[in-house]
Amino acid sequence: MKMSDTDDDVPQLSSQALAALQEFYIEEQQKNDIKSIEEGSHYSLGSIEENWNLSQFWYDSETALRLATEAIQAVGKGGRIACVSTPSVYQKLKELGSEDFSTCILEYDRRFSVYGDEYVFYDYNDPLKLPENLTAHSFDIVLADPPYLSEECLRKTADTIKYLTKGKILLCTGATMEEPAAKYLGVKMCKFLPKHTQNLANEFRCYANYDSRLDSDSL
């Protein structure tokens, strides 16, 4: 049979079917990723690969260690640390391993569900849709890195941060977000320069609303 020169006879999937198929492939990929992570050392940096479609860019080991250490020192013994869209820091906290503090990770990517009860699904578009056990002002410090460099994303993430924290905030985002960061969270830019495993075009900075060691000359 001779094929038509047009695409009229080629079966076409509806937009709903295409969306359902794409969702299926994503879920299958996440299942495979979770399985491979569970079989390895899933607390090590890089055990979960970046997904640029989700605007994921991991910190390098030095930055993750510096931020994790800062958070531990800021909360003291028995402190609680919330990592909002900062899985690299969460992984480093778990690597350091200590009974002196507790932590949890709020993240949109469900691959991080391998972390069990410490994982909380989080969508910045619905910033206060949180489980009941995450009560208001129950964390000594909230460390956050909004996934997108936009004022809207920062503003919504700020609602989550202010709800969770008892007071201390450590924010990582672009240098261009300095003004809205001060506006929504009352944070100031620190001297420490965070770095990522990938070279990003945008300059990134750390911000804090307390006297952070990240603002010290002896970093």
C-alpha atoms as a PDB file:
ATOM      1  CA  MET A   1       0.000   0.000   0.000  1.00  0.00           C
ATOM      2  CA  LYS A   2       1.374   3.406  -0.919  1.00  0.00           C
ATOM      3  CA  MET A   3       1.701   5.819   1.978  1.00  0.00           C
ATOM      4  CA  SER A   4       0.020   9.178   1.703  1.00  0.00           C
ATOM      5  CA  ASP A   5       2.167  12.246   1.182  1.00  0.00           C
ATOM      6  CA  THR A   6       0.236  13.974   3.954  1.00  0.00           C
ATOM      7  CA  ASP A   7      -0.034  13.321   7.673  1.00  0.00           C
ATOM      8  CA  ASP A   8      -3.822  13.049   7.521  1.00  0.00           C
ATOM      9  CA  ASP A   9      -3.772   9.262   7.836  1.00  0.00           C
ATOM     10  CA  VAL A  10      -1.248   9.190  10.683  1.00  0.00           C
ATOM     11  CA  PRO A  11      -2.942   8.532  14.066  1.00  0.00           C
ATOM     12  CA  GLN A  12      -2.717  11.526  16.350  1.00  0.00           C
ATOM     13  CA  LEU A  13      -2.912  11.477  20.148  1.00  0.00           C
ATOM     14  CA  SER A  14      -5.115  14.008  21.866  1.00  0.00           C
ATOM     15  CA  SER A  15      -3.492  16.595  24.109  1.00  0.00           C
ATOM     16  CA  GLN A  16      -4.987  14.791  27.128  1.00  0.00           C
ATOM     17  CA  ALA A  17      -3.497  11.481  26.004  1.00  0.00           C
ATOM     18  CA  LEU A  18      -0.114  13.067  25.413  1.00  0.00           C
ATOM     19  CA  ALA A  19      -0.170  14.639  28.873  1.00  0.00           C
ATOM     20  CA  ALA A  20      -1.145  11.314  30.462  1.00  0.00           C
ATOM     21  CA  LEU A  21       1.626   9.522  28.559  1.00  0.00           C
ATOM     22  CA  GLN A  22       4.201  12.095  29.601  1.00  0.00           C
ATOM     23  CA  GLU A  23       3.085  11.812  33.242  1.00  0.00           C
ATOM     24  CA  PHE A  24       3.398   8.021  33.026  1.00  0.00           C
ATOM     25  CA  TYR A  25       6.959   8.257  31.697  1.00  0.00           C
ATOM     26  CA  ILE A  26       7.899  10.749  34.413  1.00  0.00           C
ATOM     27  CA  GLU A  27       6.473   8.509  37.148  1.00  0.00           C
ATOM     28  CA  GLU A  28       8.309   5.482  35.755  1.00  0.00           C
ATOM     29  CA  GLN A  29      11.557   7.432  35.616  1.00  0.00           C
ATOM     30  CA  GLN A  30      11.083   8.583  39.209  1.00  0.00           C
ATOM     31  CA  LYS A  31      10.463   4.982  40.320  1.00  0.00           C
ATOM     32  CA  ASN A  32      13.651   3.852  38.595  1.00  0.00           C
ATOM     33  CA  ASP A  33      15.588   6.763  40.107  1.00  0.00           C
ATOM     34  CA  ILE A  34      14.282   5.978  43.590  1.00  0.00           C
ATOM     35  CA  LYS A  35      15.198   2.308  43.208  1.00  0.00           C
ATOM     36  CA  SER A  36      18.754   3.127  42.166  1.00  0.00           C
ATOM     37  CA  ILE A  37      19.086   5.666  44.979  1.00  0.00           C
ATOM     38  CA  GLU A  38      17.854   3.190  47.587  1.00  0.00           C
ATOM     39  CA  GLU A  39      20.441   0.682  46.395  1.00  0.00           C
ATOM     40  CA  GLY A  40      23.240   3.208  46.838  1.00  0.00           C
ATOM     41  CA  SER A  41      24.311   5.820  49.356  1.00  0.00           C
ATOM     42  CA  HIS A  42      21.382   8.180  48.893  1.00  0.00           C
ATOM     43  CA  TYR A  43      22.626  10.771  51.379  1.00  0.00           C
ATOM     44  CA  SER A  44      25.788  11.498  49.399  1.00  0.00           C
ATOM     45  CA  LEU A  45      25.902  14.596  47.226  1.00  0.00           C
ATOM     46  CA  GLY A  46      25.002  13.849  43.628  1.00  0.00           C
ATOM     47  CA  SER A  47      23.184  10.611  44.446  1.00  0.00           C
ATOM     48  CA  ILE A  48      20.131  12.263  42.893  1.00  0.00           C
ATOM     49  CA  GLU A  49      20.979  13.910  39.605  1.00  0.00           C
ATOM     50  CA  GLU A  50      19.914  17.432  38.748  1.00  0.00           C
ATOM     51  CA  ASN A  51      16.775  17.852  36.679  1.00  0.00           C
ATOM     52  CA  TRP A  52      17.138  21.119  34.829  1.00  0.00           C
ATOM     53  CA  ASN A  53      13.477  20.983  33.799  1.00  0.00           C
ATOM     54  CA  LEU A  54      12.724  21.522  37.489  1.00  0.00           C
ATOM     55  CA  SER A  55      15.335  24.287  37.700  1.00  0.00           C
ATOM     56  CA  GLN A  56      17.588  22.110  39.864  1.00  0.00           C
ATOM     57  CA  PHE A  57      21.217  23.102  40.325  1.00  0.00           C
ATOM     58  CA  TRP A  58      23.121  21.434  43.148  1.00  0.00           C
ATOM     59  CA  TYR A  59      25.706  23.180  45.314  1.00  0.00           C
ATOM     60  CA  ASP A  60      29.231  21.846  45.194  1.00  0.00           C
ATOM     61  CA  SER A  61      30.477  19.908  48.220  1.00  0.00           C
ATOM     62  CA  GLU A  62      32.304  22.861  49.775  1.00  0.00           C
ATOM     63  CA  THR A  63      29.249  25.115  49.612  1.00  0.00           C
ATOM     64  CA  ALA A  64      26.906  22.425  50.923  1.00  0.00           C
ATOM     65  CA  LEU A  65      29.264  21.779  53.838  1.00  0.00           C
ATOM     66  CA  ARG A  66      29.599  25.480  54.624  1.00  0.00           C
ATOM     67  CA  LEU A  67      25.831  26.029  54.626  1.00  0.00           C
ATOM     68  CA  ALA A  68      25.138  22.873  56.639  1.00  0.00           C
ATOM     69  CA  THR A  69      27.760  23.821  59.227  1.00  0.00           C
ATOM     70  CA  GLU A  70      26.350  27.330  59.454  1.00  0.00           C
ATOM     71  CA  ALA A  71      22.847  25.976  60.058  1.00  0.00           C
ATOM     72  CA  ILE A  72      24.049  23.590  62.777  1.00  0.00           C
ATOM     73  CA  GLN A  73      25.967  26.343  64.561  1.00  0.00           C
ATOM     74  CA  ALA A  74      23.020  28.712  64.264  1.00  0.00           C
ATOM     75  CA  VAL A  75      20.503  26.365  65.916  1.00  0.00           C
ATOM     76  CA  GLY A  76      22.652  24.825  68.636  1.00  0.00           C
ATOM     77  CA  LYS A  77      22.116  21.510  70.349  1.00  0.00           C
ATOM     78  CA  GLY A  78      18.608  20.140  69.934  1.00  0.00           C
ATOM     79  CA  GLY A  79      17.803  22.572  67.126  1.00  0.00           C
ATOM     80  CA  ARG A  80      15.509  21.949  64.170  1.00  0.00           C
ATOM     81  CA  ILE A  81      16.531  22.781  60.611  1.00  0.00           C
ATOM     82  CA  ALA A  82      14.147  23.033  57.635  1.00  0.00           C
ATOM     83  CA  CYS A  83      15.662  22.751  54.162  1.00  0.00           C
ATOM     84  CA  VAL A  84      13.309  24.297  51.612  1.00  0.00           C
ATOM     85  CA  SER A  85      14.330  23.400  48.052  1.00  0.00           C
ATOM     86  CA  THR A  86      17.912  22.851  49.249  1.00  0.00           C
ATOM     87  CA  PRO A  87      18.501  19.092  48.926  1.00  0.00           C
ATOM     88  CA  SER A  88      22.284  19.479  48.674  1.00  0.00           C
ATOM     89  CA  VAL A  89      22.376  20.976  52.159  1.00  0.00           C
ATOM     90  CA  TYR A  90      19.972  18.361  53.521  1.00  0.00           C
ATOM     91  CA  GLN A  91      22.190  15.580  52.157  1.00  0.00           C
ATOM     92  CA  LYS A  92      25.252  17.165  53.728  1.00  0.00           C
ATOM     93  CA  LEU A  93      23.467  17.478  57.075  1.00  0.00           C
ATOM     94  CA  LYS A  94      22.661  13.778  56.929  1.00  0.00           C
ATOM     95  CA  GLU A  95      26.242  12.965  55.955  1.00  0.00           C
ATOM     96  CA  LEU A  96      27.489  14.850  58.998  1.00  0.00           C
ATOM     97  CA  GLY A  97      25.065  12.820  61.076  1.00  0.00           C
ATOM     98  CA  SER A  98      24.388  13.953  64.616  1.00  0.00           C
ATOM     99  CA  GLU A  99      21.762  13.549  67.300  1.00  0.00           C
ATOM    100  CA  ASP A 100      22.288  17.194  68.270  1.00  0.00           C
ATOM    101  CA  PHE A 101      19.872  18.471  65.625  1.00  0.00           C
ATOM    102  CA  SER A 102      16.961  17.316  63.485  1.00  0.00           C
ATOM    103  CA  THR A 103      16.131  18.257  59.939  1.00  0.00           C
ATOM    104  CA  CYS A 104      13.610  17.807  57.153  1.00  0.00           C
ATOM    105  CA  ILE A 105      13.514  18.521  53.439  1.00  0.00           C
ATOM    106  CA  LEU A 106      10.684  20.306  51.631  1.00  0.00           C
ATOM    107  CA  GLU A 107      10.967  19.558  47.932  1.00  0.00           C
ATOM    108  CA  TYR A 108       8.748  19.347  44.838  1.00  0.00           C
ATOM    109  CA  ASP A 109      10.720  16.468  43.315  1.00  0.00           C
ATOM    110  CA  ARG A 110       9.238  13.235  44.658  1.00  0.00           C
ATOM    111  CA  ARG A 111      12.496  11.362  44.125  1.00  0.00           C
ATOM    112  CA  PHE A 112      13.459  12.746  47.520  1.00  0.00           C
ATOM    113  CA  SER A 113      10.721  10.644  49.117  1.00  0.00           C
ATOM    114  CA  VAL A 114      13.524   8.086  49.682  1.00  0.00           C
ATOM    115  CA  TYR A 115      14.260  10.136  52.793  1.00  0.00           C
ATOM    116  CA  GLY A 116      11.098   8.819  54.405  1.00  0.00           C
ATOM    117  CA  ASP A 117       9.338  10.814  57.085  1.00  0.00           C
ATOM    118  CA  GLU A 118      11.811  13.671  56.753  1.00  0.00           C
ATOM    119  CA  TYR A 119      10.598  14.344  53.206  1.00  0.00           C
ATOM    120  CA  VAL A 120       7.721  16.778  52.688  1.00  0.00           C
ATOM    121  CA  PHE A 121       6.254  17.369  49.253  1.00  0.00           C
ATOM    122  CA  TYR A 122       6.385  21.108  48.619  1.00  0.00           C
ATOM    123  CA  ASP A 123       5.061  23.311  45.836  1.00  0.00           C
ATOM    124  CA  TYR A 124       5.924  26.987  46.202  1.00  0.00           C
ATOM    125  CA  ASN A 125       2.744  27.849  44.288  1.00  0.00           C
ATOM    126  CA  ASP A 126       0.807  26.658  47.345  1.00  0.00           C
ATOM    127  CA  PRO A 127       3.230  27.853  50.030  1.00  0.00           C
ATOM    128  CA  LEU A 128       1.146  27.072  53.125  1.00  0.00           C
ATOM    129  CA  LYS A 129      -0.121  23.669  52.024  1.00  0.00           C
ATOM    130  CA  LEU A 130       1.957  21.764  54.547  1.00  0.00           C
ATOM    131  CA  PRO A 131       1.344  18.674  56.706  1.00  0.00           C
ATOM    132  CA  GLU A 132      -0.072  19.186  60.180  1.00  0.00           C
ATOM    133  CA  ASN A 133       3.163  18.139  61.872  1.00  0.00           C
ATOM    134  CA  LEU A 134       4.921  21.169  60.389  1.00  0.00           C
ATOM    135  CA  THR A 135       3.410  23.603  62.817  1.00  0.00           C
ATOM    136  CA  ALA A 136       3.944  27.336  62.749  1.00  0.00           C
ATOM    137  CA  HIS A 137       7.320  28.600  63.966  1.00  0.00           C
ATOM    138  CA  SER A 138       8.600  25.114  64.783  1.00  0.00           C
ATOM    139  CA  PHE A 139      12.080  25.380  63.229  1.00  0.00           C
ATOM    140  CA  ASP A 140      15.048  27.223  64.676  1.00  0.00           C
ATOM    141  CA  ILE A 141      16.297  28.065  61.203  1.00  0.00           C
ATOM    142  CA  VAL A 142      14.905  27.751  57.690  1.00  0.00           C
ATOM    143  CA  LEU A 143      17.388  27.422  54.859  1.00  0.00           C
ATOM    144  CA  ALA A 144      15.823  28.039  51.456  1.00  0.00           C
ATOM    145  CA  ASP A 145      16.714  28.391  47.796  1.00  0.00           C
ATOM    146  CA  PRO A 146      13.676  29.323  45.675  1.00  0.00           C
ATOM    147  CA  PRO A 147      13.789  27.321  42.426  1.00  0.00           C
ATOM    148  CA  TYR A 148      13.264  30.326  40.134  1.00  0.00           C
ATOM    149  CA  LEU A 149      14.815  33.785  40.037  1.00  0.00           C
ATOM    150  CA  SER A 150      11.562  35.699  40.063  1.00  0.00           C
ATOM    151  CA  GLU A 151      10.005  37.981  42.626  1.00  0.00           C
ATOM    152  CA  GLU A 152       6.788  35.934  42.558  1.00  0.00           C
ATOM    153  CA  CYS A 153       8.642  32.715  43.411  1.00  0.00           C
ATOM    154  CA  LEU A 154      10.586  34.437  46.184  1.00  0.00           C
ATOM    155  CA  ARG A 155       7.456  36.053  47.617  1.00  0.00           C
ATOM    156  CA  LYS A 156       5.581  32.751  47.790  1.00  0.00           C
ATOM    157  CA  THR A 157       8.558  30.868  49.199  1.00  0.00           C
ATOM    158  CA  ALA A 158       8.907  33.656  51.768  1.00  0.00           C
ATOM    159  CA  ASP A 159       5.408  32.837  53.031  1.00  0.00           C
ATOM    160  CA  THR A 160       6.584  29.290  53.746  1.00  0.00           C
ATOM    161  CA  ILE A 161       9.798  30.464  55.388  1.00  0.00           C
ATOM    162  CA  LYS A 162       8.066  32.948  57.682  1.00  0.00           C
ATOM    163  CA  TYR A 163       5.495  30.334  58.684  1.00  0.00           C
ATOM    164  CA  LEU A 164       8.093  27.712  59.614  1.00  0.00           C
ATOM    165  CA  THR A 165      10.865  29.702  61.262  1.00  0.00           C
ATOM    166  CA  LYS A 166      11.129  30.781  64.871  1.00  0.00           C
ATOM    167  CA  GLY A 167      13.235  33.650  63.604  1.00  0.00           C
ATOM    168  CA  LYS A 168      16.440  32.720  61.792  1.00  0.00           C
ATOM    169  CA  ILE A 169      16.485  32.653  57.987  1.00  0.00           C
ATOM    170  CA  LEU A 170      19.270  31.636  55.617  1.00  0.00           C
ATOM    171  CA  LEU A 171      18.443  32.296  51.981  1.00  0.00           C
ATOM    172  CA  CYS A 172      20.366  31.449  48.814  1.00  0.00           C
ATOM    173  CA  THR A 173      19.309  33.084  45.581  1.00  0.00           C
ATOM    174  CA  GLY A 174      20.559  35.358  42.833  1.00  0.00           C
ATOM    175  CA  ALA A 175      22.331  38.631  43.527  1.00  0.00           C
ATOM    176  CA  THR A 176      19.596  40.329  41.492  1.00  0.00           C
ATOM    177  CA  MET A 177      17.088  39.334  44.179  1.00  0.00           C
ATOM    178  CA  GLU A 178      18.745  41.404  46.916  1.00  0.00           C
ATOM    179  CA  GLU A 179      16.023  44.046  47.068  1.00  0.00           C
ATOM    180  CA  PRO A 180      12.977  41.703  47.130  1.00  0.00           C
ATOM    181  CA  ALA A 181      14.799  39.416  49.580  1.00  0.00           C
ATOM    182  CA  ALA A 182      15.145  42.329  51.987  1.00  0.00           C
ATOM    183  CA  LYS A 183      11.557  43.359  51.292  1.00  0.00           C
ATOM    184  CA  TYR A 184       9.919  39.999  51.992  1.00  0.00           C
ATOM    185  CA  LEU A 185      12.295  38.449  54.519  1.00  0.00           C
ATOM    186  CA  GLY A 186      14.376  41.220  56.040  1.00  0.00           C
ATOM    187  CA  VAL A 187      17.624  39.470  55.081  1.00  0.00           C
ATOM    188  CA  LYS A 188      20.969  41.014  54.148  1.00  0.00           C
ATOM    189  CA  MET A 189      23.571  39.783  51.678  1.00  0.00           C
ATOM    190  CA  CYS A 190      26.519  37.873  53.186  1.00  0.00           C
ATOM    191  CA  LYS A 191      30.135  37.826  52.017  1.00  0.00           C
ATOM    192  CA  PHE A 192      30.192  34.079  51.388  1.00  0.00           C
ATOM    193  CA  LEU A 193      29.817  33.152  47.710  1.00  0.00           C
ATOM    194  CA  PRO A 194      27.925  29.888  47.121  1.00  0.00           C
ATOM    195  CA  LYS A 195      29.068  27.712  44.236  1.00  0.00           C
ATOM    196  CA  HIS A 196      27.317  25.029  42.199  1.00  0.00           C
ATOM    197  CA  THR A 197      28.509  21.873  40.500  1.00  0.00           C
ATOM    198  CA  GLN A 198      27.484  23.507  37.220  1.00  0.00           C
ATOM    199  CA  ASN A 199      28.641  26.962  36.211  1.00  0.00           C
ATOM    200  CA  LEU A 200      25.577  29.190  36.284  1.00  0.00           C
ATOM    201  CA  ALA A 201      25.246  32.407  34.336  1.00  0.00           C
ATOM    202  CA  ASN A 202      23.547  34.179  37.249  1.00  0.00           C
ATOM    203  CA  GLU A 203      25.565  35.368  40.232  1.00  0.00           C
ATOM    204  CA  PHE A 204      24.366  33.641  43.409  1.00  0.00           C
ATOM    205  CA  ARG A 205      24.610  34.963  46.948  1.00  0.00           C
ATOM    206  CA  CYS A 206      23.656  34.052  50.503  1.00  0.00           C
ATOM    207  CA  TYR A 207      21.424  36.193  52.689  1.00  0.00           C
ATOM    208  CA  ALA A 208      20.690  36.043  56.418  1.00  0.00           C
ATOM    209  CA  ASN A 209      18.597  37.934  58.963  1.00  0.00           C
ATOM    210  CA  TYR A 210      20.999  37.299  61.864  1.00  0.00           C
ATOM    211  CA  ASP A 211      24.725  37.666  62.579  1.00  0.00           C
ATOM    212  CA  SER A 212      25.864  34.818  60.365  1.00  0.00           C
ATOM    213  CA  ARG A 213      29.367  33.371  60.172  1.00  0.00           C
ATOM    214  CA  LEU A 214      28.854  33.525  56.412  1.00  0.00           C
ATOM    215  CA  ASP A 215      29.480  37.249  56.752  1.00  0.00           C
ATOM    216  CA  SER A 216      32.845  36.716  58.408  1.00  0.00           C
ATOM    217  CA  ASP A 217      36.154  37.426  56.681  1.00  0.00           C
ATOM    218  CA  SER A 218      37.472  34.062  57.920  1.00  0.00           C
ATOM    219  CA  LEU A 219      35.303  31.770  55.800  1.00  0.00           C
END
